[in-house]
C-alpha atoms as a PDB file:
ATOM      1  CA  UNK A   1     253.065  43.176 228.246  1.00  0.00           C
ATOM      2  CA  UNK A   2     252.372  39.545 229.035  1.00  0.00           C
ATOM      3  CA  UNK A   3     255.242  37.467 230.520  1.00  0.00           C
ATOM      4  CA  UNK A   4     256.696  34.874 228.142  1.00  0.00           C
ATOM      5  CA  UNK A   5     255.878  31.813 230.260  1.00  0.00           C
ATOM      6  CA  UNK A   6     252.307  32.963 230.701  1.00  0.00           C
ATOM      7  CA  UNK A   7     251.985  33.443 226.947  1.00  0.00           C
ATOM      8  CA  UNK A   8     253.464  30.010 226.216  1.00  0.00           C
ATOM      9  CA  UNK A   9     251.008  28.477 228.673  1.00  0.00           C
ATOM     10  CA  UNK A  10     248.101  30.042 226.779  1.00  0.00           C
ATOM     11  CA  UNK A  11     249.437  29.141 223.343  1.00  0.00           C
ATOM     12  CA  UNK A  12     250.208  25.567 224.376  1.00  0.00           C
ATOM     13  CA  UNK A  13     246.462  24.853 224.329  1.00  0.00           C
ATOM     14  CA  UNK A  14     245.974  26.383 220.867  1.00  0.00           C
ATOM     15  CA  UNK A  15     246.486  24.329 217.755  1.00  0.00           C
ATOM     16  CA  UNK A  16     246.461  26.628 214.720  1.00  0.00           C
ATOM     17  CA  UNK A  17     248.695  29.696 214.890  1.00  0.00           C
ATOM     18  CA  UNK A  18     249.694  32.106 212.143  1.00  0.00           C
ATOM     19  CA  UNK A  19     252.243  34.928 211.998  1.00  0.00           C
ATOM     20  CA  UNK A  20     251.032  37.664 209.660  1.00  0.00           C
ATOM     21  CA  UNK A  21     253.132  40.375 208.057  1.00  0.00           C
ATOM     22  CA  UNK A  22     254.695  41.691 204.891  1.00  0.00           C
ATOM     23  CA  UNK A  23     258.152  40.800 203.680  1.00  0.00           C
ATOM     24  CA  UNK A  24     260.777  42.013 206.153  1.00  0.00           C
ATOM     25  CA  UNK A  25     258.383  42.151 209.114  1.00  0.00           C
ATOM     26  CA  UNK A  26     260.153  39.288 210.900  1.00  0.00           C
ATOM     27  CA  UNK A  27     257.276  36.821 210.573  1.00  0.00           C
ATOM     28  CA  UNK A  28     259.379  33.797 209.558  1.00  0.00           C
ATOM     29  CA  UNK A  29     261.995  34.481 212.217  1.00  0.00           C
ATOM     30  CA  UNK A  30     259.146  34.902 214.710  1.00  0.00           C
ATOM     31  CA  UNK A  31     257.651  31.573 213.648  1.00  0.00           C
ATOM     32  CA  UNK A  32     260.988  29.752 214.008  1.00  0.00           C
ATOM     33  CA  UNK A  33     261.530  31.379 217.400  1.00  0.00           C
ATOM     34  CA  UNK A  34     258.061  30.388 218.549  1.00  0.00           C
ATOM     35  CA  UNK A  35     258.506  26.776 217.413  1.00  0.00           C
ATOM     36  CA  UNK A  36     261.829  26.606 219.256  1.00  0.00           C
ATOM     37  CA  UNK A  37     260.330  27.997 222.456  1.00  0.00           C
ATOM     38  CA  UNK A  38     257.203  25.860 222.284  1.00  0.00           C
ATOM     39  CA  UNK A  39     259.088  22.674 221.432  1.00  0.00           C
ATOM     40  CA  UNK A  40     260.925  23.053 224.735  1.00  0.00           C
ATOM     41  CA  UNK A  41     257.878  24.173 226.702  1.00  0.00           C
ATOM     42  CA  UNK A  42     255.798  21.182 225.522  1.00  0.00           C
ATOM     43  CA  UNK A  43     258.796  18.854 225.268  1.00  0.00           C
ATOM     44  CA  UNK A  44     257.970  18.222 221.622  1.00  0.00           C
ATOM     45  CA  UNK A  45     260.560  16.085 219.873  1.00  0.00           C
ATOM     46  CA  UNK A  46     259.151  16.041 216.336  1.00  0.00           C
ATOM     47  CA  UNK A  47     258.987  19.021 213.980  1.00  0.00           C
ATOM     48  CA  UNK A  48     257.792  18.800 210.375  1.00  0.00           C
ATOM     49  CA  UNK A  49     258.763  21.865 208.384  1.00  0.00           C
ATOM     50  CA  UNK A  50     258.869  23.089 204.783  1.00  0.00           C
ATOM     51  CA  UNK A  51     261.992  25.111 205.644  1.00  0.00           C
ATOM     52  CA  UNK A  52     265.180  23.611 207.133  1.00  0.00           C
ATOM     53  CA  UNK A  53     265.567  24.500 210.796  1.00  0.00           C
ATOM     54  CA  UNK A  54     267.866  23.443 213.593  1.00  0.00           C
ATOM     55  CA  UNK A  55     267.637  24.033 217.338  1.00  0.00           C
ATOM     56  CA  UNK A  56     271.021  23.736 219.087  1.00  0.00           C
ATOM     57  CA  UNK A  57     270.945  21.898 222.419  1.00  0.00           C
ATOM     58  CA  UNK A  58     267.543  20.331 221.676  1.00  0.00           C
ATOM     59  CA  UNK A  59     266.933  16.680 220.800  1.00  0.00           C
ATOM     60  CA  UNK A  60     264.430  17.136 217.987  1.00  0.00           C
ATOM     61  CA  UNK A  61     263.510  14.934 215.026  1.00  0.00           C
ATOM     62  CA  UNK A  62     263.248  17.127 211.928  1.00  0.00           C
ATOM     63  CA  UNK A  63     261.342  16.085 208.813  1.00  0.00           C
ATOM     64  CA  UNK A  64     260.647  17.941 205.545  1.00  0.00           C
ATOM     65  CA  UNK A  65     257.060  18.983 204.832  1.00  0.00           C
ATOM     66  CA  UNK A  66     256.613  18.223 201.137  1.00  0.00           C
ATOM     67  CA  UNK A  67     253.070  16.921 200.553  1.00  0.00           C
ATOM     68  CA  UNK A  68     249.504  17.338 201.782  1.00  0.00           C
ATOM     69  CA  UNK A  69     249.269  13.665 202.750  1.00  0.00           C
ATOM     70  CA  UNK A  70     251.480  14.459 205.740  1.00  0.00           C
ATOM     71  CA  UNK A  71     248.594  16.392 207.286  1.00  0.00           C
ATOM     72  CA  UNK A  72     246.560  13.183 207.312  1.00  0.00           C
ATOM     73  CA  UNK A  73     249.342  10.902 208.592  1.00  0.00           C
ATOM     74  CA  UNK A  74     250.438  12.804 211.684  1.00  0.00           C
ATOM     75  CA  UNK A  75     251.865  11.345 214.865  1.00  0.00           C
ATOM     76  CA  UNK A  76     251.107  12.770 218.291  1.00  0.00           C
ATOM     77  CA  UNK A  77     252.966  15.699 219.847  1.00  0.00           C
ATOM     78  CA  UNK A  78     254.160  17.191 216.567  1.00  0.00           C
ATOM     79  CA  UNK A  79     254.637  20.791 215.487  1.00  0.00           C
ATOM     80  CA  UNK A  80     254.112  21.603 211.820  1.00  0.00           C
ATOM     81  CA  UNK A  81     256.139  24.582 210.647  1.00  0.00           C
ATOM     82  CA  UNK A  82     254.564  25.930 207.440  1.00  0.00           C
ATOM     83  CA  UNK A  83     256.227  28.998 205.942  1.00  0.00           C
ATOM     84  CA  UNK A  84     254.304  30.988 203.291  1.00  0.00           C
ATOM     85  CA  UNK A  85     251.265  28.760 203.621  1.00  0.00           C
ATOM     86  CA  UNK A  86     249.161  30.793 201.197  1.00  0.00           C
ATOM     87  CA  UNK A  87     250.569  28.877 198.240  1.00  0.00           C
ATOM     88  CA  UNK A  88     249.077  25.689 199.710  1.00  0.00           C
ATOM     89  CA  UNK A  89     245.696  26.891 201.062  1.00  0.00           C
ATOM     90  CA  UNK A  90     244.745  29.758 198.773  1.00  0.00           C
ATOM     91  CA  UNK A  91     241.128  30.917 199.199  1.00  0.00           C
ATOM     92  CA  UNK A  92     240.732  30.852 195.416  1.00  0.00           C
ATOM     93  CA  UNK A  93     240.889  27.052 195.667  1.00  0.00           C
ATOM     94  CA  UNK A  94     238.459  26.786 198.572  1.00  0.00           C
ATOM     95  CA  UNK A  95     236.045  24.457 196.744  1.00  0.00           C
ATOM     96  CA  UNK A  96     238.761  22.480 195.028  1.00  0.00           C
ATOM     97  CA  UNK A  97     239.210  18.885 196.285  1.00  0.00           C
ATOM     98  CA  UNK A  98     242.925  19.655 196.393  1.00  0.00           C
ATOM     99  CA  UNK A  99     242.256  21.597 199.603  1.00  0.00           C
ATOM    100  CA  UNK A 100     240.267  18.867 201.315  1.00  0.00           C
ATOM    101  CA  UNK A 101     243.255  17.723 203.351  1.00  0.00           C
ATOM    102  CA  UNK A 102     242.291  20.635 205.616  1.00  0.00           C
ATOM    103  CA  UNK A 103     239.073  18.895 206.593  1.00  0.00           C
ATOM    104  CA  UNK A 104     240.898  15.792 207.769  1.00  0.00           C
ATOM    105  CA  UNK A 105     243.556  17.825 209.534  1.00  0.00           C
ATOM    106  CA  UNK A 106     241.051  20.104 211.278  1.00  0.00           C
ATOM    107  CA  UNK A 107     239.129  17.174 212.740  1.00  0.00           C
ATOM    108  CA  UNK A 108     242.201  15.438 214.141  1.00  0.00           C
ATOM    109  CA  UNK A 109     244.692  18.063 215.326  1.00  0.00           C
ATOM    110  CA  UNK A 110     243.061  18.400 218.757  1.00  0.00           C
ATOM    111  CA  UNK A 111     243.099  14.667 219.405  1.00  0.00           C
ATOM    112  CA  UNK A 112     246.643  14.300 218.128  1.00  0.00           C
ATOM    113  CA  UNK A 113     247.994  17.264 220.103  1.00  0.00           C
ATOM    114  CA  UNK A 114     249.458  18.754 216.951  1.00  0.00           C
ATOM    115  CA  UNK A 115     250.192  22.433 216.377  1.00  0.00           C
ATOM    116  CA  UNK A 116     250.165  23.989 212.910  1.00  0.00           C
ATOM    117  CA  UNK A 117     252.277  27.147 212.926  1.00  0.00           C
ATOM    118  CA  UNK A 118     252.568  29.153 209.732  1.00  0.00           C
ATOM    119  CA  UNK A 119     253.316  32.490 208.126  1.00  0.00           C
ATOM    120  CA  UNK A 120     251.325  34.502 205.635  1.00  0.00           C
ATOM    121  CA  UNK A 121     251.330  38.015 204.235  1.00  0.00           C
ATOM    122  CA  UNK A 122     247.584  38.523 203.860  1.00  0.00           C
ATOM    123  CA  UNK A 123     245.244  36.553 206.072  1.00  0.00           C
ATOM    124  CA  UNK A 124     242.096  37.236 204.053  1.00  0.00           C
ATOM    125  CA  UNK A 125     243.480  35.175 201.169  1.00  0.00           C
ATOM    126  CA  UNK A 126     243.563  31.787 202.958  1.00  0.00           C
ATOM    127  CA  UNK A 127     240.984  29.023 202.563  1.00  0.00           C
ATOM    128  CA  UNK A 128     237.898  29.702 204.691  1.00  0.00           C
ATOM    129  CA  UNK A 129     238.148  26.267 206.312  1.00  0.00           C
ATOM    130  CA  UNK A 130     241.581  27.156 207.628  1.00  0.00           C
ATOM    131  CA  UNK A 131     240.403  30.564 208.816  1.00  0.00           C
ATOM    132  CA  UNK A 132     237.516  28.921 210.689  1.00  0.00           C
ATOM    133  CA  UNK A 133     239.876  26.844 212.842  1.00  0.00           C
ATOM    134  CA  UNK A 134     242.557  29.512 213.170  1.00  0.00           C
ATOM    135  CA  UNK A 135     242.877  30.276 216.885  1.00  0.00           C
ATOM    136  CA  UNK A 136     245.864  32.583 217.222  1.00  0.00           C
ATOM    137  CA  UNK A 137     246.985  35.423 214.945  1.00  0.00           C
ATOM    138  CA  UNK A 138     250.315  37.086 215.726  1.00  0.00           C
ATOM    139  CA  UNK A 139     251.450  40.323 214.096  1.00  0.00           C
ATOM    140  CA  UNK A 140     255.219  40.803 214.576  1.00  0.00           C
ATOM    141  CA  UNK A 141     256.815  44.222 214.239  1.00  0.00           C
ATOM    142  CA  UNK A 142     260.409  45.209 214.849  1.00  0.00           C
ATOM    143  CA  UNK A 143     260.694  47.647 217.711  1.00  0.00           C
ATOM    144  CA  UNK A 144     263.153  49.837 215.840  1.00  0.00           C
ATOM    145  CA  UNK A 145     263.406  50.597 212.139  1.00  0.00           C
ATOM    146  CA  UNK A 146     266.744  51.653 210.665  1.00  0.00           C
ATOM    147  CA  UNK A 147     266.107  51.990 206.939  1.00  0.00           C
ATOM    148  CA  UNK A 148     263.119  52.103 204.593  1.00  0.00           C
ATOM    149  CA  UNK A 149     264.700  49.407 202.416  1.00  0.00           C
ATOM    150  CA  UNK A 150     264.330  45.971 203.981  1.00  0.00           C
ATOM    151  CA  UNK A 151     267.748  44.756 202.836  1.00  0.00           C
ATOM    152  CA  UNK A 152     269.533  47.819 204.244  1.00  0.00           C
ATOM    153  CA  UNK A 153     267.515  47.688 207.429  1.00  0.00           C
ATOM    154  CA  UNK A 154     268.574  44.066 207.944  1.00  0.00           C
ATOM    155  CA  UNK A 155     272.259  44.901 207.422  1.00  0.00           C
ATOM    156  CA  UNK A 156     272.100  47.572 210.111  1.00  0.00           C
ATOM    157  CA  UNK A 157     270.035  45.326 212.369  1.00  0.00           C
ATOM    158  CA  UNK A 158     272.650  42.583 212.151  1.00  0.00           C
ATOM    159  CA  UNK A 159     275.431  45.039 212.960  1.00  0.00           C
ATOM    160  CA  UNK A 160     273.533  46.303 215.986  1.00  0.00           C
ATOM    161  CA  UNK A 161     272.277  42.829 216.946  1.00  0.00           C
ATOM    162  CA  UNK A 162     268.886  44.434 217.387  1.00  0.00           C
ATOM    163  CA  UNK A 163     266.128  41.904 216.764  1.00  0.00           C
ATOM    164  CA  UNK A 164     263.675  43.099 219.375  1.00  0.00           C
ATOM    165  CA  UNK A 165     260.130  42.663 218.125  1.00  0.00           C
ATOM    166  CA  UNK A 166     256.687  43.385 219.471  1.00  0.00           C
ATOM    167  CA  UNK A 167     254.210  40.561 218.991  1.00  0.00           C
ATOM    168  CA  UNK A 168     250.571  41.608 218.962  1.00  0.00           C
ATOM    169  CA  UNK A 169     248.634  38.419 219.653  1.00  0.00           C
ATOM    170  CA  UNK A 170     244.957  37.977 218.839  1.00  0.00           C
ATOM    171  CA  UNK A 171     243.363  35.022 220.616  1.00  0.00           C
ATOM    172  CA  UNK A 172     240.270  34.236 218.550  1.00  0.00           C
ATOM    173  CA  UNK A 173     239.271  31.379 220.837  1.00  0.00           C
ATOM    174  CA  UNK A 174     238.957  33.541 223.953  1.00  0.00           C
ATOM    175  CA  UNK A 175     238.428  36.865 222.172  1.00  0.00           C
ATOM    176  CA  UNK A 176     241.425  38.399 223.924  1.00  0.00           C
ATOM    177  CA  UNK A 177     244.604  40.169 222.844  1.00  0.00           C
ATOM    178  CA  UNK A 178     248.105  40.343 224.274  1.00  0.00           C
ATOM    179  CA  UNK A 179     251.447  41.975 223.564  1.00  0.00           C
ATOM    180  CA  UNK A 180     254.956  40.878 224.288  1.00  0.00           C
ATOM    181  CA  UNK A 181     258.410  42.244 223.528  1.00  0.00           C
ATOM    182  CA  UNK A 182     260.901  39.554 222.665  1.00  0.00           C
ATOM    183  CA  UNK A 183     264.497  39.491 221.463  1.00  0.00           C
ATOM    184  CA  UNK A 184     264.808  37.182 218.463  1.00  0.00           C
ATOM    185  CA  UNK A 185     268.564  37.585 218.011  1.00  0.00           C
ATOM    186  CA  UNK A 186     269.377  34.203 219.653  1.00  0.00           C
ATOM    187  CA  UNK A 187     267.272  32.491 216.977  1.00  0.00           C
ATOM    188  CA  UNK A 188     268.641  34.074 213.780  1.00  0.00           C
ATOM    189  CA  UNK A 189     270.913  31.127 212.903  1.00  0.00           C
ATOM    190  CA  UNK A 190     268.252  28.465 213.439  1.00  0.00           C
ATOM    191  CA  UNK A 191     266.987  28.614 209.849  1.00  0.00           C
ATOM    192  CA  UNK A 192     268.153  29.694 206.389  1.00  0.00           C
ATOM    193  CA  UNK A 193     266.666  33.072 205.477  1.00  0.00           C
ATOM    194  CA  UNK A 194     267.415  32.458 201.782  1.00  0.00           C
ATOM    195  CA  UNK A 195     265.589  29.129 201.513  1.00  0.00           C
ATOM    196  CA  UNK A 196     262.456  29.207 199.341  1.00  0.00           C
ATOM    197  CA  UNK A 197     260.086  26.320 200.154  1.00  0.00           C
ATOM    198  CA  UNK A 198     258.455  24.379 197.351  1.00  0.00           C
ATOM    199  CA  UNK A 199     254.683  24.279 196.987  1.00  0.00           C
ATOM    200  CA  UNK A 200     253.346  21.114 198.624  1.00  0.00           C
ATOM    201  CA  UNK A 201     252.397  18.271 196.330  1.00  0.00           C
ATOM    202  CA  UNK A 202     248.671  17.459 196.475  1.00  0.00           C
ATOM    203  CA  UNK A 203     249.071  13.892 197.655  1.00  0.00           C
ATOM    204  CA  UNK A 204     246.376  13.196 200.285  1.00  0.00           C
ATOM    205  CA  UNK A 205     244.271  10.110 199.679  1.00  0.00           C
ATOM    206  CA  UNK A 206     240.915  11.843 199.386  1.00  0.00           C
ATOM    207  CA  UNK A 207     242.141  13.934 196.457  1.00  0.00           C
ATOM    208  CA  UNK A 208     243.634  10.936 194.665  1.00  0.00           C
ATOM    209  CA  UNK A 209     240.386   8.999 195.133  1.00  0.00           C
ATOM    210  CA  UNK A 210     238.442  11.958 193.739  1.00  0.00           C
ATOM    211  CA  UNK A 211     240.703  11.983 190.676  1.00  0.00           C
ATOM    212  CA  UNK A 212     240.094   8.289 190.100  1.00  0.00           C
ATOM    213  CA  UNK A 213     236.309   8.579 190.454  1.00  0.00           C
ATOM    214  CA  UNK A 214     235.669  11.953 188.797  1.00  0.00           C
ATOM    215  CA  UNK A 215     238.402  11.976 186.178  1.00  0.00           C
ATOM    216  CA  UNK A 216     240.254   8.769 185.444  1.00  0.00           C
ATOM    217  CA  UNK A 217     242.541   6.162 186.953  1.00  0.00           C
ATOM    218  CA  UNK A 218     245.123   7.194 184.390  1.00  0.00           C
ATOM    219  CA  UNK A 219     245.092  10.783 185.661  1.00  0.00           C
ATOM    220  CA  UNK A 220     245.337   9.608 189.266  1.00  0.00           C
ATOM    221  CA  UNK A 221     248.323   7.387 188.465  1.00  0.00           C
ATOM    222  CA  UNK A 222     249.987  10.227 186.550  1.00  0.00           C
ATOM    223  CA  UNK A 223     249.413  12.548 189.517  1.00  0.00           C
ATOM    224  CA  UNK A 224     250.944  10.025 191.914  1.00  0.00           C
ATOM    225  CA  UNK A 225     253.991   9.727 189.678  1.00  0.00           C
ATOM    226  CA  UNK A 226     254.289  13.509 189.418  1.00  0.00           C
ATOM    227  CA  UNK A 227     253.941  13.862 193.200  1.00  0.00           C
ATOM    228  CA  UNK A 228     256.726  11.363 193.781  1.00  0.00           C
ATOM    229  CA  UNK A 229     259.070  13.313 191.511  1.00  0.00           C
ATOM    230  CA  UNK A 230     258.097  16.642 193.068  1.00  0.00           C
ATOM    231  CA  UNK A 231     258.497  15.417 196.628  1.00  0.00           C
ATOM    232  CA  UNK A 232     261.846  13.825 195.822  1.00  0.00           C
ATOM    233  CA  UNK A 233     263.044  17.182 194.477  1.00  0.00           C
ATOM    234  CA  UNK A 234     261.638  19.085 197.470  1.00  0.00           C
ATOM    235  CA  UNK A 235     263.193  16.674 199.972  1.00  0.00           C
ATOM    236  CA  UNK A 236     266.541  16.924 198.197  1.00  0.00           C
ATOM    237  CA  UNK A 237     266.481  20.710 198.396  1.00  0.00           C
ATOM    238  CA  UNK A 238     265.374  20.569 202.044  1.00  0.00           C
ATOM    239  CA  UNK A 239     268.162  18.178 203.073  1.00  0.00           C
ATOM    240  CA  UNK A 240     270.732  20.236 201.194  1.00  0.00           C
ATOM    241  CA  UNK A 241     269.473  23.311 203.029  1.00  0.00           C
ATOM    242  CA  UNK A 242     269.660  21.416 206.311  1.00  0.00           C
ATOM    243  CA  UNK A 243     273.242  20.394 205.572  1.00  0.00           C
ATOM    244  CA  UNK A 244     274.232  24.019 204.976  1.00  0.00           C
ATOM    245  CA  UNK A 245     272.406  25.100 208.114  1.00  0.00           C
ATOM    246  CA  UNK A 246     274.198  22.526 210.267  1.00  0.00           C
ATOM    247  CA  UNK A 247     277.550  23.607 208.817  1.00  0.00           C
ATOM    248  CA  UNK A 248     276.666  27.230 209.594  1.00  0.00           C
ATOM    249  CA  UNK A 249     275.789  26.408 213.190  1.00  0.00           C
ATOM    250  CA  UNK A 250     278.948  24.366 213.622  1.00  0.00           C
ATOM    251  CA  UNK A 251     280.986  27.350 212.408  1.00  0.00           C
ATOM    252  CA  UNK A 252     279.126  29.749 214.727  1.00  0.00           C
ATOM    253  CA  UNK A 253     279.668  27.525 217.768  1.00  0.00           C
ATOM    254  CA  UNK A 254     283.422  27.290 217.193  1.00  0.00           C
END
C-alpha cells in the first residue's frame, strides 16, 4: 500500500483522472474525497463541478459546471469535478463537432495547471480523444460488503460508519500501479448523493462557429438561446442543491 502523501505527490503532476466503477462502488464519493484532499495538497481555491460540493474548513470558490465552453475558458489552478462524464464525452459522438471542446482542453490543461477529475461506469465508452490524454484510472472498491443490494448495503454501512475503500490506481503515464486503503467516512457529507447532474450544454465557440458555417446562422442563434435556457436551469438546480448541502453541513456541525 502506498502512503497517502506519496500518492498525492504523484497525482499532483497528473491532469486527467477518472474513477471507474458501477453504481454503488463508491466512485463519486471517492472523486469528492480526492478533490478535497488534492485541493488542500495543491492549495487550490477554485473548483468547478457539475455536482454541488462543500469542503468544511477550506476557503474554496465553487462554481457550477454547466456548459462545454467552460473547458475553453479556464483559469489557472482549477480542479474540474465531472460526475458521470460519459453523457458529455460519449465515444459514439467521437467525430461530432460537439466533442471538439476536448481538443482545446487537452492542449491547455498542462499549461493552466488544471485537473479534470471525473467518474464513469465503463471506460471503453468515452471519446477516444479523452482516453488518449487520460493519465490516471482509479478503481474504488469497498473493503467490506454487507448486502447484495446497494441500497441495503449503504444503510448498514452508514450504521457501522464503515467507508473504508481500496483504490487500485493505474498510472498510464508511468506504466505503474498502486493501491491504497482509505477511509471515506469523513467526506460523506461533502456532496449530495441524490443530486443528478444535467448534461452539459454544447456551448464552446468552435461548435457554434461550425453550426454557423456548416448549417446556418439561424441554427447557431437558436442553439445559443437554447444553451442559455439550459444552463440557467442547470445553475438553478446546482445552487439549490448547494443550499441544501450547506444547511445539511450546518446541522451536522451543531
